[in-house]
């Protein structure tokens, strides 16, 4: 959010939202309250955009063939099971330039009954992988 020009005659400021470009005239008397509420609104809007992007651009895979195909053809995140071995993590990075981004806390990430996308050994956890751009 930017504080735009001040309208001295009308005792107001013009706020410009960086997330939407909207210009909002605000009376000087209400400026502190408006800035606080607007910053909260902007943060929520940016969070929702990021969440939507993540949901729309995350692909779950089970095989190494699918993993590497998705990494080459799409942007975003790939969810795949991993054995926990740093050698597998290094091999994935070498072959695809993707790195392990996180093991999510809010999902069932247990690898029980699943297999590592790289080596095929029993998986330790579900992990998110992505390339840096």
C-alpha atoms as a PDB file:
ATOM      1  CA  UNK A   1       0.000   0.000   0.000  1.00  0.00           C
ATOM      2  CA  UNK A   2       1.252   3.454  -0.875  1.00  0.00           C
ATOM      3  CA  UNK A   3       0.255   6.741   0.571  1.00  0.00           C
ATOM      4  CA  UNK A   4      -0.542   8.771  -2.515  1.00  0.00           C
ATOM      5  CA  UNK A   5      -0.934  12.511  -2.820  1.00  0.00           C
ATOM      6  CA  UNK A   6      -2.655  14.411  -0.065  1.00  0.00           C
ATOM      7  CA  UNK A   7      -5.801  16.356  -0.893  1.00  0.00           C
ATOM      8  CA  UNK A   8      -5.193  19.300   1.443  1.00  0.00           C
ATOM      9  CA  UNK A   9      -8.374  21.107   0.498  1.00  0.00           C
ATOM     10  CA  UNK A  10     -10.585  18.153   1.452  1.00  0.00           C
ATOM     11  CA  UNK A  11      -8.373  16.997   4.357  1.00  0.00           C
ATOM     12  CA  UNK A  12      -7.870  13.531   2.952  1.00  0.00           C
ATOM     13  CA  UNK A  13      -5.156  11.221   1.714  1.00  0.00           C
ATOM     14  CA  UNK A  14      -5.272   8.839  -1.220  1.00  0.00           C
ATOM     15  CA  UNK A  15      -4.230   5.270  -0.379  1.00  0.00           C
ATOM     16  CA  UNK A  16      -3.153   3.046  -3.262  1.00  0.00           C
ATOM     17  CA  UNK A  17      -3.371  -0.710  -2.828  1.00  0.00           C
ATOM     18  CA  UNK A  18      -0.344  -2.464  -4.274  1.00  0.00           C
ATOM     19  CA  UNK A  19      -2.259  -5.735  -4.647  1.00  0.00           C
ATOM     20  CA  UNK A  20      -5.127  -4.305  -6.739  1.00  0.00           C
ATOM     21  CA  UNK A  21      -4.044  -0.802  -7.765  1.00  0.00           C
ATOM     22  CA  UNK A  22      -7.237   0.622  -6.288  1.00  0.00           C
ATOM     23  CA  UNK A  23      -7.040   4.252  -5.123  1.00  0.00           C
ATOM     24  CA  UNK A  24      -8.952   4.974  -1.934  1.00  0.00           C
ATOM     25  CA  UNK A  25      -9.604   8.494  -0.658  1.00  0.00           C
ATOM     26  CA  UNK A  26      -9.515   8.541   3.159  1.00  0.00           C
ATOM     27  CA  UNK A  27     -10.332  11.470   5.462  1.00  0.00           C
ATOM     28  CA  UNK A  28      -7.327  12.416   7.595  1.00  0.00           C
ATOM     29  CA  UNK A  29      -9.306  11.880  10.800  1.00  0.00           C
ATOM     30  CA  UNK A  30      -9.861   8.186   9.998  1.00  0.00           C
ATOM     31  CA  UNK A  31      -6.473   7.525   8.389  1.00  0.00           C
ATOM     32  CA  UNK A  32      -4.874   5.487  11.243  1.00  0.00           C
ATOM     33  CA  UNK A  33      -7.860   3.150  11.566  1.00  0.00           C
ATOM     34  CA  UNK A  34      -8.270   2.789   7.802  1.00  0.00           C
ATOM     35  CA  UNK A  35      -4.599   1.968   7.288  1.00  0.00           C
ATOM     36  CA  UNK A  36      -4.743  -0.793   9.913  1.00  0.00           C
ATOM     37  CA  UNK A  37      -7.887  -2.391   8.503  1.00  0.00           C
ATOM     38  CA  UNK A  38      -6.655  -2.029   4.923  1.00  0.00           C
ATOM     39  CA  UNK A  39      -3.326  -3.697   5.711  1.00  0.00           C
ATOM     40  CA  UNK A  40      -5.222  -6.629   7.226  1.00  0.00           C
ATOM     41  CA  UNK A  41      -7.421  -6.852   4.115  1.00  0.00           C
ATOM     42  CA  UNK A  42      -4.409  -6.713   1.785  1.00  0.00           C
ATOM     43  CA  UNK A  43      -2.610  -9.431   3.751  1.00  0.00           C
ATOM     44  CA  UNK A  44      -5.695 -11.675   3.557  1.00  0.00           C
ATOM     45  CA  UNK A  45      -6.030 -11.025  -0.179  1.00  0.00           C
ATOM     46  CA  UNK A  46      -2.374 -11.864  -0.837  1.00  0.00           C
ATOM     47  CA  UNK A  47      -2.661 -14.999   1.303  1.00  0.00           C
ATOM     48  CA  UNK A  48      -5.744 -16.170  -0.612  1.00  0.00           C
ATOM     49  CA  UNK A  49      -3.993 -15.593  -3.950  1.00  0.00           C
ATOM     50  CA  UNK A  50      -0.972 -17.598  -2.785  1.00  0.00           C
ATOM     51  CA  UNK A  51      -3.168 -20.383  -1.410  1.00  0.00           C
ATOM     52  CA  UNK A  52      -5.130 -20.576  -4.666  1.00  0.00           C
ATOM     53  CA  UNK A  53      -1.898 -20.685  -6.685  1.00  0.00           C
ATOM     54  CA  UNK A  54      -0.533 -23.465  -4.485  1.00  0.00           C
ATOM     55  CA  UNK A  55      -3.716 -25.525  -4.758  1.00  0.00           C
ATOM     56  CA  UNK A  56      -3.938 -25.079  -8.527  1.00  0.00           C
ATOM     57  CA  UNK A  57      -0.235 -25.773  -9.110  1.00  0.00           C
ATOM     58  CA  UNK A  58       0.447 -28.790  -6.897  1.00  0.00           C
ATOM     59  CA  UNK A  59       0.551 -32.233  -8.444  1.00  0.00           C
ATOM     60  CA  UNK A  60       0.777 -35.529  -6.539  1.00  0.00           C
ATOM     61  CA  UNK A  61       2.864 -38.299  -8.141  1.00  0.00           C
ATOM     62  CA  UNK A  62       3.760 -41.882  -7.232  1.00  0.00           C
ATOM     63  CA  UNK A  63       6.500 -42.791  -9.727  1.00  0.00           C
ATOM     64  CA  UNK A  64       9.856 -41.280 -10.633  1.00  0.00           C
ATOM     65  CA  UNK A  65       8.789 -41.125 -14.297  1.00  0.00           C
ATOM     66  CA  UNK A  66       5.789 -38.972 -13.359  1.00  0.00           C
ATOM     67  CA  UNK A  67       7.898 -36.888 -10.986  1.00  0.00           C
ATOM     68  CA  UNK A  68      10.439 -35.921 -13.631  1.00  0.00           C
ATOM     69  CA  UNK A  69       7.804 -35.457 -16.344  1.00  0.00           C
ATOM     70  CA  UNK A  70       5.834 -33.038 -14.146  1.00  0.00           C
ATOM     71  CA  UNK A  71       8.988 -31.191 -13.086  1.00  0.00           C
ATOM     72  CA  UNK A  72       9.894 -30.629 -16.732  1.00  0.00           C
ATOM     73  CA  UNK A  73       6.438 -29.643 -17.973  1.00  0.00           C
ATOM     74  CA  UNK A  74       4.735 -27.726 -15.162  1.00  0.00           C
ATOM     75  CA  UNK A  75       5.480 -25.081 -12.599  1.00  0.00           C
ATOM     76  CA  UNK A  76       4.522 -25.277  -8.969  1.00  0.00           C
ATOM     77  CA  UNK A  77       4.912 -28.059  -6.444  1.00  0.00           C
ATOM     78  CA  UNK A  78       5.118 -31.824  -6.720  1.00  0.00           C
ATOM     79  CA  UNK A  79       3.987 -33.957  -3.796  1.00  0.00           C
ATOM     80  CA  UNK A  80       5.876 -37.228  -3.645  1.00  0.00           C
ATOM     81  CA  UNK A  81       6.887 -39.754  -1.028  1.00  0.00           C
ATOM     82  CA  UNK A  82      10.506 -39.794   0.064  1.00  0.00           C
ATOM     83  CA  UNK A  83      12.585 -42.272   2.067  1.00  0.00           C
ATOM     84  CA  UNK A  84      14.410 -39.577   4.047  1.00  0.00           C
ATOM     85  CA  UNK A  85      17.822 -40.422   2.597  1.00  0.00           C
ATOM     86  CA  UNK A  86      19.885 -37.391   1.600  1.00  0.00           C
ATOM     87  CA  UNK A  87      21.297 -39.395  -1.326  1.00  0.00           C
ATOM     88  CA  UNK A  88      17.802 -39.559  -2.847  1.00  0.00           C
ATOM     89  CA  UNK A  89      17.283 -35.864  -2.181  1.00  0.00           C
ATOM     90  CA  UNK A  90      20.596 -35.108  -3.923  1.00  0.00           C
ATOM     91  CA  UNK A  91      19.738 -37.365  -6.874  1.00  0.00           C
ATOM     92  CA  UNK A  92      16.399 -35.616  -7.365  1.00  0.00           C
ATOM     93  CA  UNK A  93      18.092 -32.214  -7.285  1.00  0.00           C
ATOM     94  CA  UNK A  94      20.766 -33.350  -9.754  1.00  0.00           C
ATOM     95  CA  UNK A  95      18.243 -34.802 -12.219  1.00  0.00           C
ATOM     96  CA  UNK A  96      15.585 -32.096 -12.009  1.00  0.00           C
ATOM     97  CA  UNK A  97      17.069 -29.099 -10.148  1.00  0.00           C
ATOM     98  CA  UNK A  98      14.083 -29.441  -7.777  1.00  0.00           C
ATOM     99  CA  UNK A  99      14.662 -29.273  -4.049  1.00  0.00           C
ATOM    100  CA  UNK A 100      12.683 -30.468  -1.080  1.00  0.00           C
ATOM    101  CA  UNK A 101      10.585 -27.536   0.114  1.00  0.00           C
ATOM    102  CA  UNK A 102       8.736 -28.954   3.110  1.00  0.00           C
ATOM    103  CA  UNK A 103       7.125 -31.885   4.815  1.00  0.00           C
ATOM    104  CA  UNK A 104       3.720 -30.420   5.630  1.00  0.00           C
ATOM    105  CA  UNK A 105       2.466 -30.462   9.194  1.00  0.00           C
ATOM    106  CA  UNK A 106      -1.246 -30.181   8.457  1.00  0.00           C
ATOM    107  CA  UNK A 107      -1.488 -33.234   6.192  1.00  0.00           C
ATOM    108  CA  UNK A 108      -1.103 -36.918   6.867  1.00  0.00           C
ATOM    109  CA  UNK A 109       2.497 -37.195   5.730  1.00  0.00           C
ATOM    110  CA  UNK A 110       3.212 -40.685   6.977  1.00  0.00           C
ATOM    111  CA  UNK A 111       4.967 -42.759   4.372  1.00  0.00           C
ATOM    112  CA  UNK A 112       3.565 -45.987   5.785  1.00  0.00           C
ATOM    113  CA  UNK A 113       2.788 -48.354   2.918  1.00  0.00           C
ATOM    114  CA  UNK A 114       4.276 -45.927   0.384  1.00  0.00           C
ATOM    115  CA  UNK A 115       7.550 -45.909  -1.489  1.00  0.00           C
ATOM    116  CA  UNK A 116      10.207 -43.315  -2.238  1.00  0.00           C
ATOM    117  CA  UNK A 117       9.737 -41.671  -5.605  1.00  0.00           C
ATOM    118  CA  UNK A 118      13.494 -41.854  -6.241  1.00  0.00           C
ATOM    119  CA  UNK A 119      14.763 -45.214  -4.964  1.00  0.00           C
ATOM    120  CA  UNK A 120      11.595 -47.254  -4.373  1.00  0.00           C
ATOM    121  CA  UNK A 121      12.442 -48.036  -0.739  1.00  0.00           C
ATOM    122  CA  UNK A 122       9.778 -47.619   1.961  1.00  0.00           C
ATOM    123  CA  UNK A 123       8.922 -43.947   2.365  1.00  0.00           C
ATOM    124  CA  UNK A 124       9.470 -41.923   5.502  1.00  0.00           C
ATOM    125  CA  UNK A 125       7.173 -39.033   4.602  1.00  0.00           C
ATOM    126  CA  UNK A 126       5.261 -37.139   1.963  1.00  0.00           C
ATOM    127  CA  UNK A 127       7.304 -34.166   0.797  1.00  0.00           C
ATOM    128  CA  UNK A 128       6.747 -31.136  -1.399  1.00  0.00           C
ATOM    129  CA  UNK A 129       9.348 -30.492  -4.097  1.00  0.00           C
ATOM    130  CA  UNK A 130       9.814 -27.522  -6.412  1.00  0.00           C
ATOM    131  CA  UNK A 131      12.281 -25.716  -8.617  1.00  0.00           C
ATOM    132  CA  UNK A 132      13.545 -22.257  -7.786  1.00  0.00           C
ATOM    133  CA  UNK A 133      12.842 -19.706 -10.492  1.00  0.00           C
END
